[in-house]
Amino acid sequence: MSQQHDDDTDEASHPRETAVLFGHAAAEAALLAAYRAGRMPHGILIAGPKGIGKATLAYRIARFVLSHPDPGAKDVQDAVSLRVDPASWPALLVGFRLV
């Protein structure tokens, strides 16, 4: 479970600023393998209840791909996770659709 909670009194970081990811090792490994092989999907559906780390995983994927544009590079092939320092992409822009 992620560090996100329903109550506003908790000091949990926004997923955009969180480097720690819990409980998504299989999804992370599958996405890393797909990226390494040049088979990264154009869209990824991440679903589940609030607070399980969906947004944290999405930001982690985005930072990794932006930081490593060549999936065939040695640092990508040697990577053991999608972890990238959140501060390395402070200008990552996120769009939301308002309904």
PDB file of N, CA and C in Angstrom:
ATOM      1  N   MET A   1       0.842  -1.178   0.000  1.00  0.00           N
ATOM      2  CA  MET A   1       0.000   0.000   0.000  1.00  0.00           C
ATOM      3  C   MET A   1       0.880   1.231   0.000  1.00  0.00           C
ATOM      4  N   SER A   2       0.491   2.249  -0.704  1.00  0.00           N
ATOM      5  CA  SER A   2       1.286   3.464  -0.789  1.00  0.00           C
ATOM      6  C   SER A   2       1.147   4.285   0.487  1.00  0.00           C
ATOM      7  N   GLN A   3       1.864   5.390   0.517  1.00  0.00           N
ATOM      8  CA  GLN A   3       1.835   6.260   1.670  1.00  0.00           C
ATOM      9  C   GLN A   3       0.673   7.228   1.618  1.00  0.00           C
ATOM     10  N   GLN A   4      -0.210   7.129   0.637  1.00  0.00           N
ATOM     11  CA  GLN A   4      -1.359   8.011   0.517  1.00  0.00           C
ATOM     12  C   GLN A   4      -2.436   7.568   1.512  1.00  0.00           C
ATOM     13  N   HIS A   5      -3.086   8.523   2.160  1.00  0.00           N
ATOM     14  CA  HIS A   5      -4.161   8.243   3.103  1.00  0.00           C
ATOM     15  C   HIS A   5      -5.305   9.204   2.844  1.00  0.00           C
ATOM     16  N   ASP A   6      -6.479   8.839   3.344  1.00  0.00           N
ATOM     17  CA  ASP A   6      -7.657   9.664   3.132  1.00  0.00           C
ATOM     18  C   ASP A   6      -7.669  10.923   3.985  1.00  0.00           C
ATOM     19  N   ASP A   7      -7.088  10.883   5.178  1.00  0.00           N
ATOM     20  CA  ASP A   7      -7.183  12.058   6.028  1.00  0.00           C
ATOM     21  C   ASP A   7      -6.135  13.099   5.643  1.00  0.00           C
ATOM     22  N   ASP A   8      -6.547  14.357   5.711  1.00  0.00           N
ATOM     23  CA  ASP A   8      -5.687  15.453   5.298  1.00  0.00           C
ATOM     24  C   ASP A   8      -4.623  15.791   6.330  1.00  0.00           C
ATOM     25  N   THR A   9      -4.682  15.199   7.519  1.00  0.00           N
ATOM     26  CA  THR A   9      -3.710  15.499   8.555  1.00  0.00           C
ATOM     27  C   THR A   9      -2.409  14.741   8.340  1.00  0.00           C
ATOM     28  N   ASP A  10      -2.410  13.737   7.520  1.00  0.00           N
ATOM     29  CA  ASP A  10      -1.205  12.963   7.240  1.00  0.00           C
ATOM     30  C   ASP A  10      -0.274  13.782   6.356  1.00  0.00           C
ATOM     31  N   GLU A  11       1.008  13.642   6.568  1.00  0.00           N
ATOM     32  CA  GLU A  11       2.004  14.403   5.821  1.00  0.00           C
ATOM     33  C   GLU A  11       2.562  13.608   4.639  1.00  0.00           C
ATOM     34  N   ALA A  12       1.803  12.729   4.053  1.00  0.00           N
ATOM     35  CA  ALA A  12       2.263  11.922   2.918  1.00  0.00           C
ATOM     36  C   ALA A  12       2.565  12.823   1.732  1.00  0.00           C
ATOM     37  N   SER A  13       3.647  12.487   1.024  1.00  0.00           N
ATOM     38  CA  SER A  13       4.035  13.251  -0.157  1.00  0.00           C
ATOM     39  C   SER A  13       3.088  12.973  -1.308  1.00  0.00           C
ATOM     40  N   HIS A  14       2.994  13.942  -2.202  1.00  0.00           N
ATOM     41  CA  HIS A  14       2.218  13.750  -3.421  1.00  0.00           C
ATOM     42  C   HIS A  14       2.921  12.675  -4.254  1.00  0.00           C
ATOM     43  N   PRO A  15       2.185  11.838  -4.979  1.00  0.00           N
ATOM     44  CA  PRO A  15       2.816  10.792  -5.792  1.00  0.00           C
ATOM     45  C   PRO A  15       3.884  11.324  -6.751  1.00  0.00           C
ATOM     46  N   ARG A  16       3.732  12.552  -7.208  1.00  0.00           N
ATOM     47  CA  ARG A  16       4.705  13.172  -8.101  1.00  0.00           C
ATOM     48  C   ARG A  16       6.066  13.310  -7.416  1.00  0.00           C
ATOM     49  N   GLU A  17       6.076  13.419  -6.087  1.00  0.00           N
ATOM     50  CA  GLU A  17       7.292  13.642  -5.321  1.00  0.00           C
ATOM     51  C   GLU A  17       7.767  12.395  -4.585  1.00  0.00           C
ATOM     52  N   THR A  18       7.095  11.274  -4.772  1.00  0.00           N
ATOM     53  CA  THR A  18       7.400  10.055  -4.034  1.00  0.00           C
ATOM     54  C   THR A  18       8.293   9.130  -4.847  1.00  0.00           C
ATOM     55  N   ALA A  19       9.377   8.683  -4.229  1.00  0.00           N
ATOM     56  CA  ALA A  19      10.280   7.752  -4.897  1.00  0.00           C
ATOM     57  C   ALA A  19      10.026   6.310  -4.455  1.00  0.00           C
ATOM     58  N   VAL A  20       9.395   6.128  -3.318  1.00  0.00           N
ATOM     59  CA  VAL A  20       9.166   4.797  -2.764  1.00  0.00           C
ATOM     60  C   VAL A  20       7.874   4.218  -3.324  1.00  0.00           C
ATOM     61  N   LEU A  21       7.948   2.971  -3.749  1.00  0.00           N
ATOM     62  CA  LEU A  21       6.779   2.285  -4.299  1.00  0.00           C
ATOM     63  C   LEU A  21       6.648   0.941  -3.616  1.00  0.00           C
ATOM     64  N   PHE A  22       5.503   0.655  -3.046  1.00  0.00           N
ATOM     65  CA  PHE A  22       5.270  -0.597  -2.342  1.00  0.00           C
ATOM     66  C   PHE A  22       4.251  -1.451  -3.079  1.00  0.00           C
ATOM     67  N   GLY A  23       4.496  -2.751  -3.154  1.00  0.00           N
ATOM     68  CA  GLY A  23       3.499  -3.691  -3.623  1.00  0.00           C
ATOM     69  C   GLY A  23       3.243  -3.760  -5.110  1.00  0.00           C
ATOM     70  N   HIS A  24       4.071  -3.157  -5.911  1.00  0.00           N
ATOM     71  CA  HIS A  24       3.855  -3.176  -7.357  1.00  0.00           C
ATOM     72  C   HIS A  24       5.065  -3.725  -8.103  1.00  0.00           C
ATOM     73  N   ALA A  25       5.824  -4.605  -7.449  1.00  0.00           N
ATOM     74  CA  ALA A  25       7.053  -5.131  -8.041  1.00  0.00           C
ATOM     75  C   ALA A  25       6.786  -5.871  -9.353  1.00  0.00           C
ATOM     76  N   ALA A  26       5.720  -6.645  -9.404  1.00  0.00           N
ATOM     77  CA  ALA A  26       5.413  -7.410 -10.622  1.00  0.00           C
ATOM     78  C   ALA A  26       5.046  -6.475 -11.781  1.00  0.00           C
ATOM     79  N   ALA A  27       4.222  -5.475 -11.512  1.00  0.00           N
ATOM     80  CA  ALA A  27       3.840  -4.517 -12.559  1.00  0.00           C
ATOM     81  C   ALA A  27       5.055  -3.724 -13.016  1.00  0.00           C
ATOM     82  N   GLU A  28       5.880  -3.303 -12.065  1.00  0.00           N
ATOM     83  CA  GLU A  28       7.075  -2.545 -12.407  1.00  0.00           C
ATOM     84  C   GLU A  28       8.035  -3.381 -13.249  1.00  0.00           C
ATOM     85  N   ALA A  29       8.227  -4.647 -12.870  1.00  0.00           N
ATOM     86  CA  ALA A  29       9.117  -5.540 -13.631  1.00  0.00           C
ATOM     87  C   ALA A  29       8.590  -5.773 -15.044  1.00  0.00           C
ATOM     88  N   ALA A  30       7.282  -5.933 -15.180  1.00  0.00           N
ATOM     89  CA  ALA A  30       6.688  -6.153 -16.508  1.00  0.00           C
ATOM     90  C   ALA A  30       6.858  -4.928 -17.400  1.00  0.00           C
ATOM     91  N   LEU A  31       6.652  -3.737 -16.838  1.00  0.00           N
ATOM     92  CA  LEU A  31       6.809  -2.507 -17.611  1.00  0.00           C
ATOM     93  C   LEU A  31       8.272  -2.260 -17.976  1.00  0.00           C
ATOM     94  N   LEU A  32       9.182  -2.546 -17.061  1.00  0.00           N
ATOM     95  CA  LEU A  32      10.604  -2.389 -17.353  1.00  0.00           C
ATOM     96  C   LEU A  32      11.032  -3.352 -18.452  1.00  0.00           C
ATOM     97  N   ALA A  33      10.564  -4.594 -18.381  1.00  0.00           N
ATOM     98  CA  ALA A  33      10.888  -5.577 -19.421  1.00  0.00           C
ATOM     99  C   ALA A  33      10.332  -5.144 -20.780  1.00  0.00           C
ATOM    100  N   ALA A  34       9.117  -4.621 -20.792  1.00  0.00           N
ATOM    101  CA  ALA A  34       8.518  -4.150 -22.046  1.00  0.00           C
ATOM    102  C   ALA A  34       9.312  -2.980 -22.614  1.00  0.00           C
ATOM    103  N   TYR A  35       9.740  -2.056 -21.764  1.00  0.00           N
ATOM    104  CA  TYR A  35      10.508  -0.906 -22.239  1.00  0.00           C
ATOM    105  C   TYR A  35      11.862  -1.344 -22.780  1.00  0.00           C
ATOM    106  N   ARG A  36      12.532  -2.240 -22.060  1.00  0.00           N
ATOM    107  CA  ARG A  36      13.829  -2.751 -22.520  1.00  0.00           C
ATOM    108  C   ARG A  36      13.736  -3.396 -23.892  1.00  0.00           C
ATOM    109  N   ALA A  37      12.630  -4.096 -24.128  1.00  0.00           N
ATOM    110  CA  ALA A  37      12.439  -4.815 -25.388  1.00  0.00           C
ATOM    111  C   ALA A  37      11.874  -3.924 -26.489  1.00  0.00           C
ATOM    112  N   GLY A  38      11.628  -2.656 -26.186  1.00  0.00           N
ATOM    113  CA  GLY A  38      11.053  -1.753 -27.182  1.00  0.00           C
ATOM    114  C   GLY A  38       9.583  -2.029 -27.437  1.00  0.00           C
ATOM    115  N   ARG A  39       8.895  -2.639 -26.478  1.00  0.00           N
ATOM    116  CA  ARG A  39       7.485  -2.988 -26.624  1.00  0.00           C
ATOM    117  C   ARG A  39       6.601  -2.236 -25.633  1.00  0.00           C
ATOM    118  N   MET A  40       6.996  -1.030 -25.259  1.00  0.00           N
ATOM    119  CA  MET A  40       6.213  -0.261 -24.297  1.00  0.00           C
ATOM    120  C   MET A  40       4.875   0.104 -24.914  1.00  0.00           C
ATOM    121  N   PRO A  41       3.780  -0.194 -24.228  1.00  0.00           N
ATOM    122  CA  PRO A  41       2.459   0.125 -24.782  1.00  0.00           C
ATOM    123  C   PRO A  41       2.237   1.635 -24.856  1.00  0.00           C
ATOM    124  N   HIS A  42       1.373   2.054 -25.754  1.00  0.00           N
ATOM    125  CA  HIS A  42       1.053   3.473 -25.904  1.00  0.00           C
ATOM    126  C   HIS A  42       0.178   3.968 -24.768  1.00  0.00           C
ATOM    127  N   GLY A  43      -0.516   3.078 -24.140  1.00  0.00           N
ATOM    128  CA  GLY A  43      -1.372   3.435 -23.020  1.00  0.00           C
ATOM    129  C   GLY A  43      -1.352   2.329 -21.984  1.00  0.00           C
ATOM    130  N   ILE A  44      -1.456   2.709 -20.716  1.00  0.00           N
ATOM    131  CA  ILE A  44      -1.449   1.737 -19.625  1.00  0.00           C
ATOM    132  C   ILE A  44      -2.626   2.065 -18.718  1.00  0.00           C
ATOM    133  N   LEU A  45      -3.461   1.093 -18.450  1.00  0.00           N
ATOM    134  CA  LEU A  45      -4.579   1.281 -17.538  1.00  0.00           C
ATOM    135  C   LEU A  45      -4.150   0.786 -16.162  1.00  0.00           C
ATOM    136  N   ILE A  46      -4.118   1.698 -15.212  1.00  0.00           N
ATOM    137  CA  ILE A  46      -3.748   1.360 -13.838  1.00  0.00           C
ATOM    138  C   ILE A  46      -4.991   1.590 -13.000  1.00  0.00           C
ATOM    139  N   ALA A  47      -5.565   0.530 -12.474  1.00  0.00           N
ATOM    140  CA  ALA A  47      -6.832   0.635 -11.753  1.00  0.00           C
ATOM    141  C   ALA A  47      -6.705   0.064 -10.347  1.00  0.00           C
ATOM    142  N   GLY A  48      -7.603   0.491  -9.492  1.00  0.00           N
ATOM    143  CA  GLY A  48      -7.649  -0.022  -8.127  1.00  0.00           C
ATOM    144  C   GLY A  48      -8.165   1.041  -7.180  1.00  0.00           C
ATOM    145  N   PRO A  49      -8.337   0.654  -5.923  1.00  0.00           N
ATOM    146  CA  PRO A  49      -8.861   1.596  -4.942  1.00  0.00           C
ATOM    147  C   PRO A  49      -7.886   2.737  -4.640  1.00  0.00           C
ATOM    148  N   LYS A  50      -8.412   3.798  -4.082  1.00  0.00           N
ATOM    149  CA  LYS A  50      -7.618   4.963  -3.720  1.00  0.00           C
ATOM    150  C   LYS A  50      -6.539   4.573  -2.707  1.00  0.00           C
ATOM    151  N   GLY A  51      -5.337   5.099  -2.941  1.00  0.00           N
ATOM    152  CA  GLY A  51      -4.270   4.933  -1.966  1.00  0.00           C
ATOM    153  C   GLY A  51      -3.368   3.734  -2.144  1.00  0.00           C
ATOM    154  N   ILE A  52      -3.484   3.003  -3.256  1.00  0.00           N
ATOM    155  CA  ILE A  52      -2.644   1.808  -3.411  1.00  0.00           C
ATOM    156  C   ILE A  52      -1.374   2.061  -4.213  1.00  0.00           C
ATOM    157  N   GLY A  53      -1.193   3.289  -4.713  1.00  0.00           N
ATOM    158  CA  GLY A  53       0.030   3.623  -5.422  1.00  0.00           C
ATOM    159  C   GLY A  53      -0.084   3.710  -6.924  1.00  0.00           C
ATOM    160  N   LYS A  54      -1.286   3.856  -7.447  1.00  0.00           N
ATOM    161  CA  LYS A  54      -1.472   3.949  -8.907  1.00  0.00           C
ATOM    162  C   LYS A  54      -0.743   5.163  -9.483  1.00  0.00           C
ATOM    163  N   ALA A  55      -0.955   6.312  -8.888  1.00  0.00           N
ATOM    164  CA  ALA A  55      -0.317   7.532  -9.382  1.00  0.00           C
ATOM    165  C   ALA A  55       1.192   7.485  -9.167  1.00  0.00           C
ATOM    166  N   THR A  56       1.622   6.927  -8.052  1.00  0.00           N
ATOM    167  CA  THR A  56       3.060   6.799  -7.793  1.00  0.00           C
ATOM    168  C   THR A  56       3.709   5.948  -8.871  1.00  0.00           C
ATOM    169  N   LEU A  57       3.085   4.838  -9.245  1.00  0.00           N
ATOM    170  CA  LEU A  57       3.607   3.981 -10.309  1.00  0.00           C
ATOM    171  C   LEU A  57       3.616   4.722 -11.646  1.00  0.00           C
ATOM    172  N   ALA A  58       2.569   5.463 -11.946  1.00  0.00           N
ATOM    173  CA  ALA A  58       2.499   6.205 -13.208  1.00  0.00           C
ATOM    174  C   ALA A  58       3.599   7.260 -13.294  1.00  0.00           C
ATOM    175  N   TYR A  59       3.806   8.017 -12.223  1.00  0.00           N
ATOM    176  CA  TYR A  59       4.882   9.011 -12.219  1.00  0.00           C
ATOM    177  C   TYR A  59       6.244   8.332 -12.344  1.00  0.00           C
ATOM    178  N   ARG A  60       6.400   7.196 -11.695  1.00  0.00           N
ATOM    179  CA  ARG A  60       7.664   6.460 -11.749  1.00  0.00           C
ATOM    180  C   ARG A  60       7.971   6.016 -13.181  1.00  0.00           C
ATOM    181  N   ILE A  61       6.964   5.517 -13.878  1.00  0.00           N
ATOM    182  CA  ILE A  61       7.125   5.102 -15.280  1.00  0.00           C
ATOM    183  C   ILE A  61       7.515   6.317 -16.134  1.00  0.00           C
ATOM    184  N   ALA A  62       6.777   7.418 -15.971  1.00  0.00           N
ATOM    185  CA  ALA A  62       7.032   8.622 -16.774  1.00  0.00           C
ATOM    186  C   ALA A  62       8.439   9.151 -16.547  1.00  0.00           C
ATOM    187  N   ARG A  63       8.863   9.247 -15.288  1.00  0.00           N
ATOM    188  CA  ARG A  63      10.217   9.749 -15.004  1.00  0.00           C
ATOM    189  C   ARG A  63      11.282   8.846 -15.606  1.00  0.00           C
ATOM    190  N   PHE A  64      11.085   7.532 -15.523  1.00  0.00           N
ATOM    191  CA  PHE A  64      12.088   6.602 -16.041  1.00  0.00           C
ATOM    192  C   PHE A  64      12.220   6.731 -17.556  1.00  0.00           C
ATOM    193  N   VAL A  65      11.099   6.760 -18.246  1.00  0.00           N
ATOM    194  CA  VAL A  65      11.127   6.849 -19.711  1.00  0.00           C
ATOM    195  C   VAL A  65      11.718   8.191 -20.156  1.00  0.00           C
ATOM    196  N   LEU A  66      11.358   9.284 -19.487  1.00  0.00           N
ATOM    197  CA  LEU A  66      11.921  10.587 -19.832  1.00  0.00           C
ATOM    198  C   LEU A  66      13.413  10.666 -19.528  1.00  0.00           C
ATOM    199  N   SER A  67      13.848  10.002 -18.472  1.00  0.00           N
ATOM    200  CA  SER A  67      15.262  10.024 -18.093  1.00  0.00           C
ATOM    201  C   SER A  67      16.112   9.092 -18.944  1.00  0.00           C
ATOM    202  N   HIS A  68      15.490   8.099 -19.539  1.00  0.00           N
ATOM    203  CA  HIS A  68      16.198   7.085 -20.330  1.00  0.00           C
ATOM    204  C   HIS A  68      15.493   6.915 -21.681  1.00  0.00           C
ATOM    205  N   PRO A  69      15.686   7.864 -22.598  1.00  0.00           N
ATOM    206  CA  PRO A  69      14.946   7.819 -23.865  1.00  0.00           C
ATOM    207  C   PRO A  69      15.326   6.658 -24.786  1.00  0.00           C
ATOM    208  N   ASP A  70      16.479   6.034 -24.564  1.00  0.00           N
ATOM    209  CA  ASP A  70      16.912   4.923 -25.413  1.00  0.00           C
ATOM    210  C   ASP A  70      16.735   3.615 -24.662  1.00  0.00           C
ATOM    211  N   PRO A  71      15.710   2.815 -24.999  1.00  0.00           N
ATOM    212  CA  PRO A  71      15.487   1.560 -24.276  1.00  0.00           C
ATOM    213  C   PRO A  71      16.626   0.555 -24.429  1.00  0.00           C
ATOM    214  N   GLY A  72      17.458   0.735 -25.439  1.00  0.00           N
ATOM    215  CA  GLY A  72      18.570  -0.188 -25.643  1.00  0.00           C
ATOM    216  C   GLY A  72      19.841   0.213 -24.920  1.00  0.00           C
ATOM    217  N   ALA A  73      19.835   1.359 -24.230  1.00  0.00           N
ATOM    218  CA  ALA A  73      21.024   1.845 -23.532  1.00  0.00           C
ATOM    219  C   ALA A  73      21.410   0.902 -22.396  1.00  0.00           C
ATOM    220  N   LYS A  74      22.707   0.862 -22.106  1.00  0.00           N
ATOM    221  CA  LYS A  74      23.218  -0.040 -21.070  1.00  0.00           C
ATOM    222  C   LYS A  74      22.582   0.233 -19.710  1.00  0.00           C
ATOM    223  N   ASP A  75      22.412   1.509 -19.338  1.00  0.00           N
ATOM    224  CA  ASP A  75      21.828   1.794 -18.030  1.00  0.00           C
ATOM    225  C   ASP A  75      20.378   1.323 -17.930  1.00  0.00           C
ATOM    226  N   VAL A  76      19.661   1.304 -19.034  1.00  0.00           N
ATOM    227  CA  VAL A  76      18.295   0.770 -19.043  1.00  0.00           C
ATOM    228  C   VAL A  76      18.347  -0.758 -18.951  1.00  0.00           C
ATOM    229  N   GLN A  77      19.214  -1.366 -19.707  1.00  0.00           N
ATOM    230  CA  GLN A  77      19.314  -2.826 -19.697  1.00  0.00           C
ATOM    231  C   GLN A  77      19.784  -3.346 -18.341  1.00  0.00           C
ATOM    232  N   ASP A  78      20.569  -2.557 -17.610  1.00  0.00           N
ATOM    233  CA  ASP A  78      21.075  -2.960 -16.293  1.00  0.00           C
ATOM    234  C   ASP A  78      20.165  -2.549 -15.140  1.00  0.00           C
ATOM    235  N   ALA A  79      19.140  -1.763 -15.404  1.00  0.00           N
ATOM    236  CA  ALA A  79      18.262  -1.259 -14.344  1.00  0.00           C
ATOM    237  C   ALA A  79      17.519  -2.403 -13.667  1.00  0.00           C
ATOM    238  N   VAL A  80      17.364  -2.299 -12.356  1.00  0.00           N
ATOM    239  CA  VAL A  80      16.610  -3.301 -11.610  1.00  0.00           C
ATOM    240  C   VAL A  80      15.218  -2.802 -11.236  1.00  0.00           C
ATOM    241  N   SER A  81      14.974  -1.505 -11.448  1.00  0.00           N
ATOM    242  CA  SER A  81      13.653  -0.950 -11.202  1.00  0.00           C
ATOM    243  C   SER A  81      13.480   0.299 -12.059  1.00  0.00           C
ATOM    244  N   LEU A  82      12.308   0.874 -11.986  1.00  0.00           N
ATOM    245  CA  LEU A  82      12.006   2.100 -12.719  1.00  0.00           C
ATOM    246  C   LEU A  82      12.318   3.342 -11.890  1.00  0.00           C
ATOM    247  N   ARG A  83      13.014   3.159 -10.782  1.00  0.00           N
ATOM    248  CA  ARG A  83      13.247   4.277  -9.862  1.00  0.00           C
ATOM    249  C   ARG A  83      14.165   5.338 -10.470  1.00  0.00           C
ATOM    250  N   VAL A  84      13.705   6.581 -10.403  1.00  0.00           N
ATOM    251  CA  VAL A  84      14.457   7.766 -10.798  1.00  0.00           C
ATOM    252  C   VAL A  84      14.144   8.810  -9.737  1.00  0.00           C
ATOM    253  N   ASP A  85      15.124   9.597  -9.355  1.00  0.00           N
ATOM    254  CA  ASP A  85      14.908  10.638  -8.357  1.00  0.00           C
ATOM    255  C   ASP A  85      13.811  11.589  -8.830  1.00  0.00           C
ATOM    256  N   PRO A  86      12.745  11.772  -8.039  1.00  0.00           N
ATOM    257  CA  PRO A  86      11.657  12.665  -8.454  1.00  0.00           C
ATOM    258  C   PRO A  86      12.124  14.085  -8.757  1.00  0.00           C
ATOM    259  N   ALA A  87      13.177  14.534  -8.125  1.00  0.00           N
ATOM    260  CA  ALA A  87      13.663  15.896  -8.355  1.00  0.00           C
ATOM    261  C   ALA A  87      14.348  16.036  -9.712  1.00  0.00           C
ATOM    262  N   SER A  88      14.637  14.911 -10.363  1.00  0.00           N
ATOM    263  CA  SER A  88      15.333  14.987 -11.643  1.00  0.00           C
ATOM    264  C   SER A  88      14.430  15.469 -12.774  1.00  0.00           C
ATOM    265  N   TRP A  89      13.123  15.417 -12.595  1.00  0.00           N
ATOM    266  CA  TRP A  89      12.178  15.894 -13.616  1.00  0.00           C
ATOM    267  C   TRP A  89      11.139  16.808 -12.976  1.00  0.00           C
ATOM    268  N   PRO A  90      11.571  17.944 -12.427  1.00  0.00           N
ATOM    269  CA  PRO A  90      10.597  18.834 -11.785  1.00  0.00           C
ATOM    270  C   PRO A  90       9.628  19.468 -12.765  1.00  0.00           C
ATOM    271  N   ALA A  91       9.966  19.493 -14.038  1.00  0.00           N
ATOM    272  CA  ALA A  91       9.104  20.142 -15.032  1.00  0.00           C
ATOM    273  C   ALA A  91       8.143  19.170 -15.691  1.00  0.00           C
ATOM    274  N   LEU A  92       8.023  17.958 -15.159  1.00  0.00           N
ATOM    275  CA  LEU A  92       7.085  16.982 -15.701  1.00  0.00           C
ATOM    276  C   LEU A  92       5.675  17.547 -15.587  1.00  0.00           C
ATOM    277  N   LEU A  93       5.034  17.756 -16.708  1.00  0.00           N
ATOM    278  CA  LEU A  93       3.694  18.318 -16.728  1.00  0.00           C
ATOM    279  C   LEU A  93       2.658  17.213 -16.832  1.00  0.00           C
ATOM    280  N   VAL A  94       1.583  17.379 -16.105  1.00  0.00           N
ATOM    281  CA  VAL A  94       0.523  16.380 -16.083  1.00  0.00           C
ATOM    282  C   VAL A  94      -0.777  17.067 -16.476  1.00  0.00           C
ATOM    283  N   GLY A  95      -1.494  16.449 -17.387  1.00  0.00           N
ATOM    284  CA  GLY A  95      -2.781  16.990 -17.804  1.00  0.00           C
ATOM    285  C   GLY A  95      -3.926  16.179 -17.225  1.00  0.00           C
ATOM    286  N   PHE A  96      -4.976  16.850 -16.885  1.00  0.00           N
ATOM    287  CA  PHE A  96      -6.171  16.196 -16.363  1.00  0.00           C
ATOM    288  C   PHE A  96      -7.364  16.637 -17.196  1.00  0.00           C
ATOM    289  N   ARG A  97      -8.262  15.716 -17.466  1.00  0.00           N
ATOM    290  CA  ARG A  97      -9.468  16.036 -18.195  1.00  0.00           C
ATOM    291  C   ARG A  97     -10.548  16.423 -17.184  1.00  0.00           C
ATOM    292  N   LEU A  98     -11.106  17.589 -17.341  1.00  0.00           N
ATOM    293  CA  LEU A  98     -12.170  18.035 -16.460  1.00  0.00           C
ATOM    294  C   LEU A  98     -13.496  17.674 -17.089  1.00  0.00           C
ATOM    295  N   VAL A  99     -14.338  17.024 -16.312  1.00  0.00           N
ATOM    296  CA  VAL A  99     -15.632  16.589 -16.811  1.00  0.00           C
ATOM    297  C   VAL A  99     -16.714  17.468 -16.266  1.00  0.00           C
TER     298      VAL A  99
END
